[in-house]
Structure formats: structure tokens, C-alpha cells
Amino acid sequence: MNAPTIKSVAPLKERRLLVTFVNGVQKVYDCHRVINLERFQLLKNEALFKAVTVDPGGYGVSWDDETDLSEYELWNNGVEVEQGTAWSQGEVAHSEGSVVRHVERG
């Protein structure tokens, strides 16, 4: 299945991203999946991590010309959260038996 394009992205605490897709689904992506890979080392810097933006056309998110994640990666490996509640109020979000702990804006 093709992943929908991205409408918006917001950095969260604990190196997570809140990604809103054009179909209205919101997912939290844990960047710890990739942060130890050489090309993602800069994400260890909090200020740089917070500088994430949506790529033109919504086909991914990026921090610079070499550091990016595709919409496919974010869609397939993100954890779906209830829109507008879990992340904004710091609630615990559950998805397929896994728990996203205190997802909050950061």
C-alpha cells in the first residue's frame, strides 16, 4: 500500500515526531529507530531535531539536504494516535499492544 503524503510534522519530547497525514491520520514516529545511524547523528542535537520540516509535496520530512525520512517510513513505522488528544494532553496512546508513553509537545 502506498503511504499518504504528509500534511504537517511537529517535534515531540524524547526524539519523537507527530506526523499528520493528508488523510487525517496522526502517527508518532520514534526517531530512536534511526538516530544511531551515521546520517542521522545530527538529530541528537535538540535544537536541530526541532528544526524538522515537511518536504515539498509531503513526500517526507527533513532537517537538511542529507537528513530526511520518507512518508513511507513514517507511515509504516509510526504508531497511530487519536487525533488531537494523546499528544496535546500528554495522555498515553495505545496501538497494536504497544504504548507510546506520555506523548507531549516538546
C-alpha atoms as a PDB file:
ATOM      1  CA  MET A   1       0.000   0.000   0.000  1.00  0.00           C
ATOM      2  CA  ASN A   2       1.218   3.468  -0.801  1.00  0.00           C
ATOM      3  CA  ALA A   3       1.632   5.811   2.121  1.00  0.00           C
ATOM      4  CA  PRO A   4      -0.358   9.052   2.107  1.00  0.00           C
ATOM      5  CA  THR A   5       1.591  12.280   1.862  1.00  0.00           C
ATOM      6  CA  ILE A   6       2.349  14.385   4.913  1.00  0.00           C
ATOM      7  CA  LYS A   7       0.363  17.466   5.870  1.00  0.00           C
ATOM      8  CA  SER A   8       2.372  18.557   8.938  1.00  0.00           C
ATOM      9  CA  VAL A   9       5.053  17.479  11.393  1.00  0.00           C
ATOM     10  CA  ALA A  10       5.791  18.564  14.956  1.00  0.00           C
ATOM     11  CA  PRO A  11       8.787  17.591  17.088  1.00  0.00           C
ATOM     12  CA  LEU A  12       7.911  15.945  20.406  1.00  0.00           C
ATOM     13  CA  LYS A  13       9.891  15.106  23.530  1.00  0.00           C
ATOM     14  CA  GLU A  14      12.162  12.058  23.569  1.00  0.00           C
ATOM     15  CA  ARG A  15      13.083  12.431  19.869  1.00  0.00           C
ATOM     16  CA  ARG A  16       9.652  11.654  18.530  1.00  0.00           C
ATOM     17  CA  LEU A  17       7.715  13.244  15.699  1.00  0.00           C
ATOM     18  CA  LEU A  18       3.989  13.824  15.472  1.00  0.00           C
ATOM     19  CA  VAL A  19       3.165  13.377  11.798  1.00  0.00           C
ATOM     20  CA  THR A  20      -0.225  14.345  10.377  1.00  0.00           C
ATOM     21  CA  PHE A  21      -1.013  12.807   7.007  1.00  0.00           C
ATOM     22  CA  VAL A  22      -3.354  14.281   4.393  1.00  0.00           C
ATOM     23  CA  ASN A  23      -5.946  11.593   5.163  1.00  0.00           C
ATOM     24  CA  GLY A  24      -6.217  12.940   8.734  1.00  0.00           C
ATOM     25  CA  VAL A  25      -4.345  10.090  10.419  1.00  0.00           C
ATOM     26  CA  GLN A  26      -1.779  11.132  13.024  1.00  0.00           C
ATOM     27  CA  LYS A  27       1.181   8.940  13.909  1.00  0.00           C
ATOM     28  CA  VAL A  28       4.050   9.275  16.342  1.00  0.00           C
ATOM     29  CA  TYR A  29       7.398   8.195  14.936  1.00  0.00           C
ATOM     30  CA  ASP A  30      10.207   7.376  17.356  1.00  0.00           C
ATOM     31  CA  CYS A  31      13.464   8.622  15.826  1.00  0.00           C
ATOM     32  CA  HIS A  32      15.450   6.345  18.138  1.00  0.00           C
ATOM     33  CA  ARG A  33      14.913   3.803  15.330  1.00  0.00           C
ATOM     34  CA  VAL A  34      17.437   5.687  13.216  1.00  0.00           C
ATOM     35  CA  ILE A  35      19.301   8.117  15.480  1.00  0.00           C
ATOM     36  CA  ASN A  36      22.412   5.941  15.793  1.00  0.00           C
ATOM     37  CA  LEU A  37      22.830   5.627  12.035  1.00  0.00           C
ATOM     38  CA  GLU A  38      25.595   7.895  10.755  1.00  0.00           C
ATOM     39  CA  ARG A  39      23.385  10.061   8.564  1.00  0.00           C
ATOM     40  CA  PHE A  40      21.028  10.804  11.490  1.00  0.00           C
ATOM     41  CA  GLN A  41      23.654  11.751  14.109  1.00  0.00           C
ATOM     42  CA  LEU A  42      22.665  15.425  13.979  1.00  0.00           C
ATOM     43  CA  LEU A  43      19.260  14.517  15.434  1.00  0.00           C
ATOM     44  CA  LYS A  44      20.983  14.062  18.795  1.00  0.00           C
ATOM     45  CA  ASN A  45      21.188  17.870  18.901  1.00  0.00           C
ATOM     46  CA  GLU A  46      17.837  19.017  20.307  1.00  0.00           C
ATOM     47  CA  ALA A  47      17.788  22.376  18.517  1.00  0.00           C
ATOM     48  CA  LEU A  48      18.450  20.721  15.158  1.00  0.00           C
ATOM     49  CA  PHE A  49      15.895  17.989  15.855  1.00  0.00           C
ATOM     50  CA  LYS A  50      13.239  20.648  16.440  1.00  0.00           C
ATOM     51  CA  ALA A  51      14.007  22.202  13.030  1.00  0.00           C
ATOM     52  CA  VAL A  52      12.165  19.408  11.180  1.00  0.00           C
ATOM     53  CA  THR A  53      10.048  20.462   8.188  1.00  0.00           C
ATOM     54  CA  VAL A  54       7.728  18.785   5.695  1.00  0.00           C
ATOM     55  CA  ASP A  55       9.305  18.265   2.287  1.00  0.00           C
ATOM     56  CA  PRO A  56       7.648  19.875  -0.755  1.00  0.00           C
ATOM     57  CA  GLY A  57       4.712  17.760  -1.865  1.00  0.00           C
ATOM     58  CA  GLY A  58       4.552  16.000   1.506  1.00  0.00           C
ATOM     59  CA  TYR A  59       6.768  13.112   0.431  1.00  0.00           C
ATOM     60  CA  GLY A  60       8.766  13.113   3.657  1.00  0.00           C
ATOM     61  CA  VAL A  61      10.252  15.256   6.403  1.00  0.00           C
ATOM     62  CA  SER A  62      13.754  16.657   6.558  1.00  0.00           C
ATOM     63  CA  TRP A  63      16.246  18.519   8.668  1.00  0.00           C
ATOM     64  CA  ASP A  64      18.748  19.328   5.914  1.00  0.00           C
ATOM     65  CA  ASP A  65      19.600  18.181   2.385  1.00  0.00           C
ATOM     66  CA  GLU A  66      21.020  14.862   3.602  1.00  0.00           C
ATOM     67  CA  THR A  67      18.880  14.044   6.637  1.00  0.00           C
ATOM     68  CA  ASP A  68      15.332  13.032   5.849  1.00  0.00           C
ATOM     69  CA  LEU A  69      12.670  10.381   6.360  1.00  0.00           C
ATOM     70  CA  SER A  70      10.178   9.317   3.704  1.00  0.00           C
ATOM     71  CA  GLU A  71       6.417   9.326   4.121  1.00  0.00           C
ATOM     72  CA  TYR A  72       6.593   5.555   3.665  1.00  0.00           C
ATOM     73  CA  GLU A  73       8.943   5.115   6.665  1.00  0.00           C
ATOM     74  CA  LEU A  74       6.847   7.411   8.860  1.00  0.00           C
ATOM     75  CA  TRP A  75       3.562   5.763   7.839  1.00  0.00           C
ATOM     76  CA  ASN A  76       4.723   2.154   8.236  1.00  0.00           C
ATOM     77  CA  ASN A  77       6.752   2.572  11.416  1.00  0.00           C
ATOM     78  CA  GLY A  78       4.798   5.292  13.190  1.00  0.00           C
ATOM     79  CA  VAL A  79       2.278   4.492  15.918  1.00  0.00           C
ATOM     80  CA  GLU A  80      -1.209   5.815  15.221  1.00  0.00           C
ATOM     81  CA  VAL A  81      -2.623   8.119  17.896  1.00  0.00           C
ATOM     82  CA  GLU A  82      -6.085   9.522  18.406  1.00  0.00           C
ATOM     83  CA  GLN A  83      -6.075  12.863  16.647  1.00  0.00           C
ATOM     84  CA  GLY A  84      -5.705  15.914  18.861  1.00  0.00           C
ATOM     85  CA  THR A  85      -5.823  14.159  22.217  1.00  0.00           C
ATOM     86  CA  ALA A  86      -2.950  11.830  23.007  1.00  0.00           C
ATOM     87  CA  TRP A  87      -0.154  14.208  22.120  1.00  0.00           C
ATOM     88  CA  SER A  88      -1.680  17.520  23.136  1.00  0.00           C
ATOM     89  CA  GLN A  89      -2.785  16.403  26.598  1.00  0.00           C
ATOM     90  CA  GLY A  90       0.123  14.100  27.407  1.00  0.00           C
ATOM     91  CA  GLU A  91      -2.092  11.018  27.597  1.00  0.00           C
ATOM     92  CA  VAL A  92      -0.869   7.502  26.986  1.00  0.00           C
ATOM     93  CA  ALA A  93      -1.650   6.292  23.469  1.00  0.00           C
ATOM     94  CA  HIS A  94      -2.076   2.581  22.682  1.00  0.00           C
ATOM     95  CA  SER A  95      -1.655   0.946  19.293  1.00  0.00           C
ATOM     96  CA  GLU A  96      -1.469  -2.753  18.483  1.00  0.00           C
ATOM     97  CA  GLY A  97      -0.422  -3.639  22.019  1.00  0.00           C
ATOM     98  CA  SER A  98       2.388  -1.098  22.206  1.00  0.00           C
ATOM     99  CA  VAL A  99       2.356   2.017  24.313  1.00  0.00           C
ATOM    100  CA  VAL A 100       3.561   5.484  23.443  1.00  0.00           C
ATOM    101  CA  ARG A 101       4.477   6.965  26.825  1.00  0.00           C
ATOM    102  CA  HIS A 102       3.304  10.468  27.588  1.00  0.00           C
ATOM    103  CA  VAL A 103       3.414  11.825  24.091  1.00  0.00           C
ATOM    104  CA  GLU A 104       3.679  15.574  24.579  1.00  0.00           C
ATOM    105  CA  ARG A 105       4.664  18.588  22.575  1.00  0.00           C
ATOM    106  CA  GLY A 106       8.294  19.307  23.283  1.00  0.00           C
END
